[in-house]
PDB file of N, CA and C in Angstrom:
ATOM      1  N   UNK A   1      38.761 183.153  85.256  1.00  0.00           N
ATOM      2  CA  UNK A   1      37.752 183.095  84.222  1.00  0.00           C
ATOM      3  C   UNK A   1      38.303 182.488  82.941  1.00  0.00           C
ATOM      4  N   UNK A   2      39.537 182.835  82.624  1.00  0.00           N
ATOM      5  CA  UNK A   2      40.163 182.314  81.412  1.00  0.00           C
ATOM      6  C   UNK A   2      40.359 180.805  81.508  1.00  0.00           C
ATOM      7  N   UNK A   3      40.624 180.311  82.718  1.00  0.00           N
ATOM      8  CA  UNK A   3      40.787 178.870  82.916  1.00  0.00           C
ATOM      9  C   UNK A   3      39.488 178.131  82.616  1.00  0.00           C
ATOM     10  N   UNK A   4      38.379 178.694  83.006  1.00  0.00           N
ATOM     11  CA  UNK A   4      37.090 178.054  82.742  1.00  0.00           C
ATOM     12  C   UNK A   4      36.790 177.998  81.247  1.00  0.00           C
ATOM     13  N   UNK A   5      37.163 179.038  80.522  1.00  0.00           N
ATOM     14  CA  UNK A   5      36.955 179.034  79.068  1.00  0.00           C
ATOM     15  C   UNK A   5      37.811 177.953  78.422  1.00  0.00           C
ATOM     16  N   UNK A   6      39.074 177.823  78.860  1.00  0.00           N
ATOM     17  CA  UNK A   6      39.950 176.766  78.329  1.00  0.00           C
ATOM     18  C   UNK A   6      39.384 175.380  78.632  1.00  0.00           C
ATOM     19  N   UNK A   7      38.933 175.180  79.859  1.00  0.00           N
ATOM     20  CA  UNK A   7      38.373 173.877  80.236  1.00  0.00           C
ATOM     21  C   UNK A   7      37.133 173.574  79.407  1.00  0.00           C
ATOM     22  N   UNK A   8      36.278 174.562  79.224  1.00  0.00           N
ATOM     23  CA  UNK A   8      35.071 174.372  78.419  1.00  0.00           C
ATOM     24  C   UNK A   8      35.423 174.074  76.959  1.00  0.00           C
ATOM     25  N   UNK A   9      36.383 174.798  76.411  1.00  0.00           N
ATOM     26  CA  UNK A   9      36.773 174.589  75.011  1.00  0.00           C
ATOM     27  C   UNK A   9      37.366 173.196  74.815  1.00  0.00           C
ATOM     28  N   UNK A  10      38.254 172.783  75.686  1.00  0.00           N
ATOM     29  CA  UNK A  10      38.868 171.465  75.537  1.00  0.00           C
ATOM     30  C   UNK A  10      37.877 170.340  75.827  1.00  0.00           C
ATOM     31  N   UNK A  11      36.899 170.580  76.689  1.00  0.00           N
ATOM     32  CA  UNK A  11      35.850 169.583  76.916  1.00  0.00           C
ATOM     33  C   UNK A  11      35.011 169.401  75.662  1.00  0.00           C
ATOM     34  N   UNK A  12      34.665 170.498  75.018  1.00  0.00           N
ATOM     35  CA  UNK A  12      33.901 170.413  73.770  1.00  0.00           C
ATOM     36  C   UNK A  12      34.715 169.702  72.699  1.00  0.00           C
ATOM     37  N   UNK A  13      35.997 170.041  72.594  1.00  0.00           N
ATOM     38  CA  UNK A  13      36.860 169.368  71.610  1.00  0.00           C
ATOM     39  C   UNK A  13      36.986 167.878  71.903  1.00  0.00           C
ATOM     40  N   UNK A  14      37.067 167.518  73.175  1.00  0.00           N
ATOM     41  CA  UNK A  14      37.174 166.103  73.533  1.00  0.00           C
ATOM     42  C   UNK A  14      35.897 165.358  73.165  1.00  0.00           C
ATOM     43  N   UNK A  15      34.738 165.958  73.420  1.00  0.00           N
ATOM     44  CA  UNK A  15      33.480 165.312  73.034  1.00  0.00           C
ATOM     45  C   UNK A  15      33.374 165.162  71.523  1.00  0.00           C
ATOM     46  N   UNK A  16      33.792 166.179  70.782  1.00  0.00           N
ATOM     47  CA  UNK A  16      33.762 166.079  69.321  1.00  0.00           C
ATOM     48  C   UNK A  16      34.706 164.988  68.817  1.00  0.00           C
ATOM     49  N   UNK A  17      35.875 164.875  69.435  1.00  0.00           N
ATOM     50  CA  UNK A  17      36.828 163.847  69.014  1.00  0.00           C
ATOM     51  C   UNK A  17      36.287 162.449  69.298  1.00  0.00           C
ATOM     52  N   UNK A  18      35.693 162.255  70.466  1.00  0.00           N
ATOM     53  CA  UNK A  18      35.129 160.946  70.807  1.00  0.00           C
ATOM     54  C   UNK A  18      33.950 160.628  69.900  1.00  0.00           C
ATOM     55  N   UNK A  19      33.108 161.616  69.595  1.00  0.00           N
ATOM     56  CA  UNK A  19      31.980 161.404  68.685  1.00  0.00           C
ATOM     57  C   UNK A  19      32.487 161.013  67.296  1.00  0.00           C
ATOM     58  N   UNK A  20      33.516 161.693  66.819  1.00  0.00           N
ATOM     59  CA  UNK A  20      34.085 161.377  65.512  1.00  0.00           C
ATOM     60  C   UNK A  20      34.691 159.975  65.507  1.00  0.00           C
ATOM     61  N   UNK A  21      35.340 159.585  66.588  1.00  0.00           N
ATOM     62  CA  UNK A  21      35.919 158.250  66.690  1.00  0.00           C
ATOM     63  C   UNK A  21      34.832 157.180  66.644  1.00  0.00           C
ATOM     64  N   UNK A  22      33.774 157.382  67.395  1.00  0.00           N
ATOM     65  CA  UNK A  22      32.677 156.406  67.406  1.00  0.00           C
ATOM     66  C   UNK A  22      32.017 156.335  66.036  1.00  0.00           C
ATOM     67  N   UNK A  23      31.811 157.482  65.405  1.00  0.00           N
ATOM     68  CA  UNK A  23      31.214 157.504  64.069  1.00  0.00           C
ATOM     69  C   UNK A  23      32.104 156.761  63.066  1.00  0.00           C
ATOM     70  N   UNK A  24      33.412 156.975  63.138  1.00  0.00           N
ATOM     71  CA  UNK A  24      34.333 156.291  62.225  1.00  0.00           C
ATOM     72  C   UNK A  24      34.325 154.787  62.456  1.00  0.00           C
ATOM     73  N   UNK A  25      34.270 154.359  63.713  1.00  0.00           N
ATOM     74  CA  UNK A  25      34.212 152.930  64.005  1.00  0.00           C
ATOM     75  C   UNK A  25      32.941 152.297  63.454  1.00  0.00           C
ATOM     76  N   UNK A  26      31.833 153.001  63.560  1.00  0.00           N
ATOM     77  CA  UNK A  26      30.572 152.474  63.028  1.00  0.00           C
ATOM     78  C   UNK A  26      30.641 152.370  61.513  1.00  0.00           C
ATOM     79  N   UNK A  27      31.179 153.395  60.853  1.00  0.00           N
ATOM     80  CA  UNK A  27      31.270 153.378  59.389  1.00  0.00           C
ATOM     81  C   UNK A  27      32.198 152.264  58.920  1.00  0.00           C
ATOM     82  N   UNK A  28      33.333 152.086  59.583  1.00  0.00           N
ATOM     83  CA  UNK A  28      34.261 151.015  59.200  1.00  0.00           C
ATOM     84  C   UNK A  28      33.622 149.654  59.434  1.00  0.00           C
ATOM     85  N   UNK A  29      32.899 149.505  60.522  1.00  0.00           N
ATOM     86  CA  UNK A  29      32.212 148.244  60.790  1.00  0.00           C
ATOM     87  C   UNK A  29      31.163 147.925  59.750  1.00  0.00           C
ATOM     88  N   UNK A  30      30.427 148.940  59.312  1.00  0.00           N
ATOM     89  CA  UNK A  30      29.413 148.713  58.282  1.00  0.00           C
ATOM     90  C   UNK A  30      30.061 148.415  56.934  1.00  0.00           C
ATOM     91  N   UNK A  31      31.172 149.080  56.623  1.00  0.00           N
ATOM     92  CA  UNK A  31      31.864 148.820  55.358  1.00  0.00           C
ATOM     93  C   UNK A  31      32.472 147.427  55.325  1.00  0.00           C
ATOM     94  N   UNK A  32      32.927 146.936  56.465  1.00  0.00           N
ATOM     95  CA  UNK A  32      33.549 145.613  56.479  1.00  0.00           C
ATOM     96  C   UNK A  32      32.523 144.499  56.308  1.00  0.00           C
ATOM     97  N   UNK A  33      31.258 144.768  56.592  1.00  0.00           N
ATOM     98  CA  UNK A  33      30.225 143.751  56.446  1.00  0.00           C
ATOM     99  C   UNK A  33      29.637 143.715  55.047  1.00  0.00           C
ATOM    100  N   UNK A  34      29.910 144.724  54.226  1.00  0.00           N
ATOM    101  CA  UNK A  34      29.433 144.714  52.849  1.00  0.00           C
ATOM    102  C   UNK A  34      30.249 143.731  52.037  1.00  0.00           C
ATOM    103  N   UNK A  35      29.653 143.206  50.979  1.00  0.00           N
ATOM    104  CA  UNK A  35      30.398 142.286  50.124  1.00  0.00           C
ATOM    105  C   UNK A  35      31.353 143.093  49.249  1.00  0.00           C
ATOM    106  N   UNK A  36      32.576 142.625  49.065  1.00  0.00           N
ATOM    107  CA  UNK A  36      33.548 143.393  48.286  1.00  0.00           C
ATOM    108  C   UNK A  36      33.203 143.461  46.805  1.00  0.00           C
ATOM    109  N   UNK A  37      32.353 142.568  46.303  1.00  0.00           N
ATOM    110  CA  UNK A  37      32.006 142.594  44.890  1.00  0.00           C
ATOM    111  C   UNK A  37      30.973 143.675  44.573  1.00  0.00           C
ATOM    112  N   UNK A  38      30.289 144.221  45.572  1.00  0.00           N
ATOM    113  CA  UNK A  38      29.228 145.187  45.314  1.00  0.00           C
ATOM    114  C   UNK A  38      29.726 146.619  45.253  1.00  0.00           C
ATOM    115  N   UNK A  39      30.999 146.845  45.447  1.00  0.00           N
ATOM    116  CA  UNK A  39      31.499 148.212  45.393  1.00  0.00           C
ATOM    117  C   UNK A  39      32.881 148.230  44.771  1.00  0.00           C
ATOM    118  N   UNK A  40      33.202 149.327  44.121  1.00  0.00           N
ATOM    119  CA  UNK A  40      34.558 149.497  43.623  1.00  0.00           C
ATOM    120  C   UNK A  40      35.266 150.526  44.482  1.00  0.00           C
ATOM    121  N   UNK A  41      36.392 151.036  44.039  1.00  0.00           N
ATOM    122  CA  UNK A  41      37.177 151.920  44.889  1.00  0.00           C
ATOM    123  C   UNK A  41      36.505 153.269  45.114  1.00  0.00           C
ATOM    124  N   UNK A  42      35.512 153.632  44.295  1.00  0.00           N
ATOM    125  CA  UNK A  42      34.821 154.895  44.482  1.00  0.00           C
ATOM    126  C   UNK A  42      33.566 154.757  45.321  1.00  0.00           C
ATOM    127  N   UNK A  43      33.208 153.539  45.725  1.00  0.00           N
ATOM    128  CA  UNK A  43      32.069 153.325  46.585  1.00  0.00           C
ATOM    129  C   UNK A  43      30.767 153.114  45.850  1.00  0.00           C
ATOM    130  N   UNK A  44      30.749 153.213  44.538  1.00  0.00           N
ATOM    131  CA  UNK A  44      29.507 152.984  43.812  1.00  0.00           C
ATOM    132  C   UNK A  44      29.319 151.500  43.566  1.00  0.00           C
ATOM    133  N   UNK A  45      28.096 151.118  43.226  1.00  0.00           N
ATOM    134  CA  UNK A  45      27.809 149.701  43.071  1.00  0.00           C
ATOM    135  C   UNK A  45      28.064 149.203  41.662  1.00  0.00           C
ATOM    136  N   UNK A  46      28.432 150.077  40.737  1.00  0.00           N
ATOM    137  CA  UNK A  46      28.696 149.623  39.375  1.00  0.00           C
ATOM    138  C   UNK A  46      30.047 148.932  39.313  1.00  0.00           C
ATOM    139  N   UNK A  47      30.133 147.943  38.452  1.00  0.00           N
ATOM    140  CA  UNK A  47      31.398 147.214  38.352  1.00  0.00           C
ATOM    141  C   UNK A  47      32.313 147.977  37.412  1.00  0.00           C
ATOM    142  N   UNK A  48      33.391 148.469  37.929  1.00  0.00           N
ATOM    143  CA  UNK A  48      34.328 149.259  37.140  1.00  0.00           C
ATOM    144  C   UNK A  48      35.492 148.419  36.673  1.00  0.00           C
ATOM    145  N   UNK A  49      36.331 149.001  35.842  1.00  0.00           N
ATOM    146  CA  UNK A  49      37.473 148.262  35.319  1.00  0.00           C
ATOM    147  C   UNK A  49      38.558 148.113  36.366  1.00  0.00           C
ATOM    148  N   UNK A  50      38.483 148.881  37.459  1.00  0.00           N
ATOM    149  CA  UNK A  50      39.500 148.781  38.500  1.00  0.00           C
ATOM    150  C   UNK A  50      39.415 147.467  39.263  1.00  0.00           C
ATOM    151  N   UNK A  51      38.235 146.856  39.307  1.00  0.00           N
ATOM    152  CA  UNK A  51      38.086 145.618  40.059  1.00  0.00           C
ATOM    153  C   UNK A  51      38.790 144.464  39.375  1.00  0.00           C
ATOM    154  N   UNK A  52      38.814 144.432  38.042  1.00  0.00           N
ATOM    155  CA  UNK A  52      39.341 143.290  37.324  1.00  0.00           C
ATOM    156  C   UNK A  52      40.828 143.342  37.072  1.00  0.00           C
ATOM    157  N   UNK A  53      41.491 144.434  37.386  1.00  0.00           N
ATOM    158  CA  UNK A  53      42.911 144.575  37.093  1.00  0.00           C
ATOM    159  C   UNK A  53      43.720 144.174  38.319  1.00  0.00           C
ATOM    160  N   UNK A  54      44.508 143.089  38.235  1.00  0.00           N
ATOM    161  CA  UNK A  54      45.334 142.698  39.386  1.00  0.00           C
ATOM    162  C   UNK A  54      46.585 143.570  39.470  1.00  0.00           C
ATOM    163  N   UNK A  55      47.231 143.501  40.600  1.00  0.00           N
ATOM    164  CA  UNK A  55      48.468 144.248  40.805  1.00  0.00           C
ATOM    165  C   UNK A  55      49.549 143.704  39.876  1.00  0.00           C
ATOM    166  N   UNK A  56      50.408 144.562  39.311  1.00  0.00           N
ATOM    167  CA  UNK A  56      51.429 144.092  38.360  1.00  0.00           C
ATOM    168  C   UNK A  56      52.394 143.058  38.927  1.00  0.00           C
ATOM    169  N   UNK A  57      52.635 143.069  40.227  1.00  0.00           N
ATOM    170  CA  UNK A  57      53.551 142.087  40.805  1.00  0.00           C
ATOM    171  C   UNK A  57      52.949 140.691  40.848  1.00  0.00           C
ATOM    172  N   UNK A  58      51.630 140.584  40.660  1.00  0.00           N
ATOM    173  CA  UNK A  58      50.975 139.280  40.655  1.00  0.00           C
ATOM    174  C   UNK A  58      50.882 138.690  39.256  1.00  0.00           C
ATOM    175  N   UNK A  59      51.480 139.344  38.261  1.00  0.00           N
ATOM    176  CA  UNK A  59      51.450 138.869  36.885  1.00  0.00           C
ATOM    177  C   UNK A  59      52.812 138.324  36.493  1.00  0.00           C
ATOM    178  N   UNK A  60      52.817 137.296  35.629  1.00  0.00           N
ATOM    179  CA  UNK A  60      54.084 136.787  35.113  1.00  0.00           C
ATOM    180  C   UNK A  60      54.476 137.590  33.872  1.00  0.00           C
ATOM    181  N   UNK A  61      55.522 137.131  33.144  1.00  0.00           N
ATOM    182  CA  UNK A  61      56.035 137.873  31.998  1.00  0.00           C
ATOM    183  C   UNK A  61      55.010 137.995  30.877  1.00  0.00           C
ATOM    184  N   UNK A  62      54.145 137.000  30.735  1.00  0.00           N
ATOM    185  CA  UNK A  62      53.155 137.031  29.658  1.00  0.00           C
ATOM    186  C   UNK A  62      51.868 137.747  30.058  1.00  0.00           C
ATOM    187  N   UNK A  63      51.757 138.216  31.293  1.00  0.00           N
ATOM    188  CA  UNK A  63      50.586 138.962  31.724  1.00  0.00           C
ATOM    189  C   UNK A  63      49.510 138.137  32.383  1.00  0.00           C
ATOM    190  N   UNK A  64      49.782 136.867  32.646  1.00  0.00           N
ATOM    191  CA  UNK A  64      48.799 136.010  33.309  1.00  0.00           C
ATOM    192  C   UNK A  64      49.003 136.061  34.821  1.00  0.00           C
ATOM    193  N   UNK A  65      47.916 135.873  35.562  1.00  0.00           N
ATOM    194  CA  UNK A  65      47.979 135.916  37.022  1.00  0.00           C
ATOM    195  C   UNK A  65      48.724 134.692  37.534  1.00  0.00           C
ATOM    196  N   UNK A  66      49.676 134.908  38.445  1.00  0.00           N
ATOM    197  CA  UNK A  66      50.449 133.828  39.047  1.00  0.00           C
ATOM    198  C   UNK A  66      49.599 133.192  40.134  1.00  0.00           C
ATOM    199  N   UNK A  67      49.424 131.887  40.072  1.00  0.00           N
ATOM    200  CA  UNK A  67      48.579 131.200  41.053  1.00  0.00           C
ATOM    201  C   UNK A  67      49.394 130.454  42.101  1.00  0.00           C
ATOM    202  N   UNK A  68      50.703 130.450  41.973  1.00  0.00           N
ATOM    203  CA  UNK A  68      51.543 129.761  42.947  1.00  0.00           C
ATOM    204  C   UNK A  68      51.959 130.739  44.037  1.00  0.00           C
ATOM    205  N   UNK A  69      52.372 130.243  45.181  1.00  0.00           N
ATOM    206  CA  UNK A  69      52.796 131.150  46.253  1.00  0.00           C
ATOM    207  C   UNK A  69      54.040 131.929  45.845  1.00  0.00           C
ATOM    208  N   UNK A  70      54.075 133.201  46.208  1.00  0.00           N
ATOM    209  CA  UNK A  70      55.188 134.055  45.822  1.00  0.00           C
ATOM    210  C   UNK A  70      56.349 133.973  46.802  1.00  0.00           C
ATOM    211  N   UNK A  71      56.107 133.506  47.992  1.00  0.00           N
ATOM    212  CA  UNK A  71      57.155 133.406  48.996  1.00  0.00           C
ATOM    213  C   UNK A  71      57.007 132.074  49.706  1.00  0.00           C
ATOM    214  N   UNK A  72      58.058 131.287  49.667  1.00  0.00           N
ATOM    215  CA  UNK A  72      58.061 130.002  50.354  1.00  0.00           C
ATOM    216  C   UNK A  72      59.173 130.061  51.389  1.00  0.00           C
ATOM    217  N   UNK A  73      58.826 129.820  52.633  1.00  0.00           N
ATOM    218  CA  UNK A  73      59.811 129.861  53.707  1.00  0.00           C
ATOM    219  C   UNK A  73      59.987 128.461  54.258  1.00  0.00           C
ATOM    220  N   UNK A  74      61.226 128.097  54.489  1.00  0.00           N
ATOM    221  CA  UNK A  74      61.469 126.803  55.110  1.00  0.00           C
ATOM    222  C   UNK A  74      61.891 127.044  56.548  1.00  0.00           C
ATOM    223  N   UNK A  75      61.580 126.099  57.388  1.00  0.00           N
ATOM    224  CA  UNK A  75      61.904 126.269  58.796  1.00  0.00           C
ATOM    225  C   UNK A  75      63.359 125.889  59.034  1.00  0.00           C
ATOM    226  N   UNK A  76      63.979 126.585  59.969  1.00  0.00           N
ATOM    227  CA  UNK A  76      65.368 126.332  60.355  1.00  0.00           C
ATOM    228  C   UNK A  76      65.397 125.926  61.818  1.00  0.00           C
ATOM    229  N   UNK A  77      66.344 125.081  62.116  1.00  0.00           N
ATOM    230  CA  UNK A  77      66.559 124.805  63.533  1.00  0.00           C
ATOM    231  C   UNK A  77      67.362 125.962  64.119  1.00  0.00           C
ATOM    232  N   UNK A  78      67.359 126.067  65.416  1.00  0.00           N
ATOM    233  CA  UNK A  78      68.080 127.158  66.074  1.00  0.00           C
ATOM    234  C   UNK A  78      69.576 127.029  65.827  1.00  0.00           C
ATOM    235  N   UNK A  79      70.076 125.814  65.851  1.00  0.00           N
ATOM    236  CA  UNK A  79      71.505 125.605  65.638  1.00  0.00           C
ATOM    237  C   UNK A  79      71.905 125.988  64.216  1.00  0.00           C
ATOM    238  N   UNK A  80      71.070 125.639  63.241  1.00  0.00           N
ATOM    239  CA  UNK A  80      71.374 125.989  61.854  1.00  0.00           C
ATOM    240  C   UNK A  80      71.359 127.509  61.663  1.00  0.00           C
ATOM    241  N   UNK A  81      70.417 128.187  62.294  1.00  0.00           N
ATOM    242  CA  UNK A  81      70.358 129.645  62.203  1.00  0.00           C
ATOM    243  C   UNK A  81      71.576 130.273  62.862  1.00  0.00           C
ATOM    244  N   UNK A  82      72.001 129.745  64.009  1.00  0.00           N
ATOM    245  CA  UNK A  82      73.200 130.272  64.672  1.00  0.00           C
ATOM    246  C   UNK A  82      74.440 130.067  63.818  1.00  0.00           C
ATOM    247  N   UNK A  83      74.540 128.895  63.181  1.00  0.00           N
ATOM    248  CA  UNK A  83      75.696 128.636  62.316  1.00  0.00           C
ATOM    249  C   UNK A  83      75.729 129.606  61.142  1.00  0.00           C
ATOM    250  N   UNK A  84      74.581 129.881  60.555  1.00  0.00           N
ATOM    251  CA  UNK A  84      74.544 130.822  59.437  1.00  0.00           C
ATOM    252  C   UNK A  84      74.905 132.232  59.888  1.00  0.00           C
ATOM    253  N   UNK A  85      74.400 132.649  61.046  1.00  0.00           N
ATOM    254  CA  UNK A  85      74.744 133.973  61.559  1.00  0.00           C
ATOM    255  C   UNK A  85      76.221 134.067  61.917  1.00  0.00           C
ATOM    256  N   UNK A  86      76.780 133.011  62.503  1.00  0.00           N
ATOM    257  CA  UNK A  86      78.206 133.006  62.822  1.00  0.00           C
ATOM    258  C   UNK A  86      79.054 133.095  61.564  1.00  0.00           C
ATOM    259  N   UNK A  87      78.668 132.369  60.520  1.00  0.00           N
ATOM    260  CA  UNK A  87      79.446 132.425  59.279  1.00  0.00           C
ATOM    261  C   UNK A  87      79.352 133.805  58.633  1.00  0.00           C
ATOM    262  N   UNK A  88      78.190 134.442  58.717  1.00  0.00           N
ATOM    263  CA  UNK A  88      78.069 135.809  58.202  1.00  0.00           C
ATOM    264  C   UNK A  88      78.929 136.774  59.009  1.00  0.00           C
ATOM    265  N   UNK A  89      78.937 136.606  60.323  1.00  0.00           N
ATOM    266  CA  UNK A  89      79.726 137.487  61.174  1.00  0.00           C
ATOM    267  C   UNK A  89      81.218 137.303  60.916  1.00  0.00           C
ATOM    268  N   UNK A  90      81.649 136.060  60.752  1.00  0.00           N
ATOM    269  CA  UNK A  90      83.064 135.790  60.513  1.00  0.00           C
ATOM    270  C   UNK A  90      83.513 136.292  59.145  1.00  0.00           C
ATOM    271  N   UNK A  91      82.612 136.303  58.158  1.00  0.00           N
ATOM    272  CA  UNK A  91      83.000 136.734  56.817  1.00  0.00           C
ATOM    273  C   UNK A  91      82.889 138.238  56.624  1.00  0.00           C
ATOM    274  N   UNK A  92      82.345 138.964  57.582  1.00  0.00           N
ATOM    275  CA  UNK A  92      82.205 140.411  57.421  1.00  0.00           C
ATOM    276  C   UNK A  92      83.566 141.078  57.566  1.00  0.00           C
ATOM    277  N   UNK A  93      83.814 142.168  56.834  1.00  0.00           N
ATOM    278  CA  UNK A  93      85.119 142.833  56.894  1.00  0.00           C
ATOM    279  C   UNK A  93      85.410 143.462  58.247  1.00  0.00           C
ATOM    280  N   UNK A  94      84.408 143.889  58.972  1.00  0.00           N
ATOM    281  CA  UNK A  94      84.658 144.539  60.258  1.00  0.00           C
ATOM    282  C   UNK A  94      85.136 143.545  61.312  1.00  0.00           C
ATOM    283  N   UNK A  95      84.752 142.273  61.193  1.00  0.00           N
ATOM    284  CA  UNK A  95      85.192 141.301  62.193  1.00  0.00           C
ATOM    285  C   UNK A  95      86.673 140.986  62.035  1.00  0.00           C
ATOM    286  N   UNK A  96      87.213 141.037  60.817  1.00  0.00           N
ATOM    287  CA  UNK A  96      88.642 140.776  60.635  1.00  0.00           C
ATOM    288  C   UNK A  96      89.474 141.947  61.137  1.00  0.00           C
ATOM    289  N   UNK A  97      88.953 143.183  61.044  1.00  0.00           N
ATOM    290  CA  UNK A  97      89.675 144.342  61.565  1.00  0.00           C
ATOM    291  C   UNK A  97      89.716 144.320  63.085  1.00  0.00           C
ATOM    292  N   UNK A  98      88.639 143.898  63.727  1.00  0.00           N
ATOM    293  CA  UNK A  98      88.594 143.853  65.185  1.00  0.00           C
ATOM    294  C   UNK A  98      89.517 142.774  65.725  1.00  0.00           C
ATOM    295  N   UNK A  99      89.663 141.684  65.006  1.00  0.00           N
ATOM    296  CA  UNK A  99      90.514 140.596  65.470  1.00  0.00           C
ATOM    297  C   UNK A  99      91.986 140.982  65.391  1.00  0.00           C
ATOM    298  N   UNK A 100      92.358 141.825  64.402  1.00  0.00           N
ATOM    299  CA  UNK A 100      93.766 142.196  64.254  1.00  0.00           C
ATOM    300  C   UNK A 100      94.184 143.246  65.265  1.00  0.00           C
ATOM    301  N   UNK A 101      93.255 143.981  65.845  1.00  0.00           N
ATOM    302  CA  UNK A 101      93.616 145.039  66.801  1.00  0.00           C
ATOM    303  C   UNK A 101      93.819 144.526  68.155  1.00  0.00           C
TER     304      UNK A 101
END
């Protein structure tokens, strides 16, 4: 009898969890289709001061928004990357200790 109560309880919990998951997916889907300008971080439609303030890392020393890319990556050939890794390995202090032993 106790086994049936456990099975019933966990079945109810599983249905509640699946219902909550589906409800959350629907809410997230509806929120993603709204325009970002119509809501602030509290969900109201009034335009608050939080919308106009950029993150401090996006500002330069004078407080203006930086419009250039913050990270520029250049491509490396495989051989160039191997050479750089080999030079780092050779210059590390642990590699000189292993060679002397």
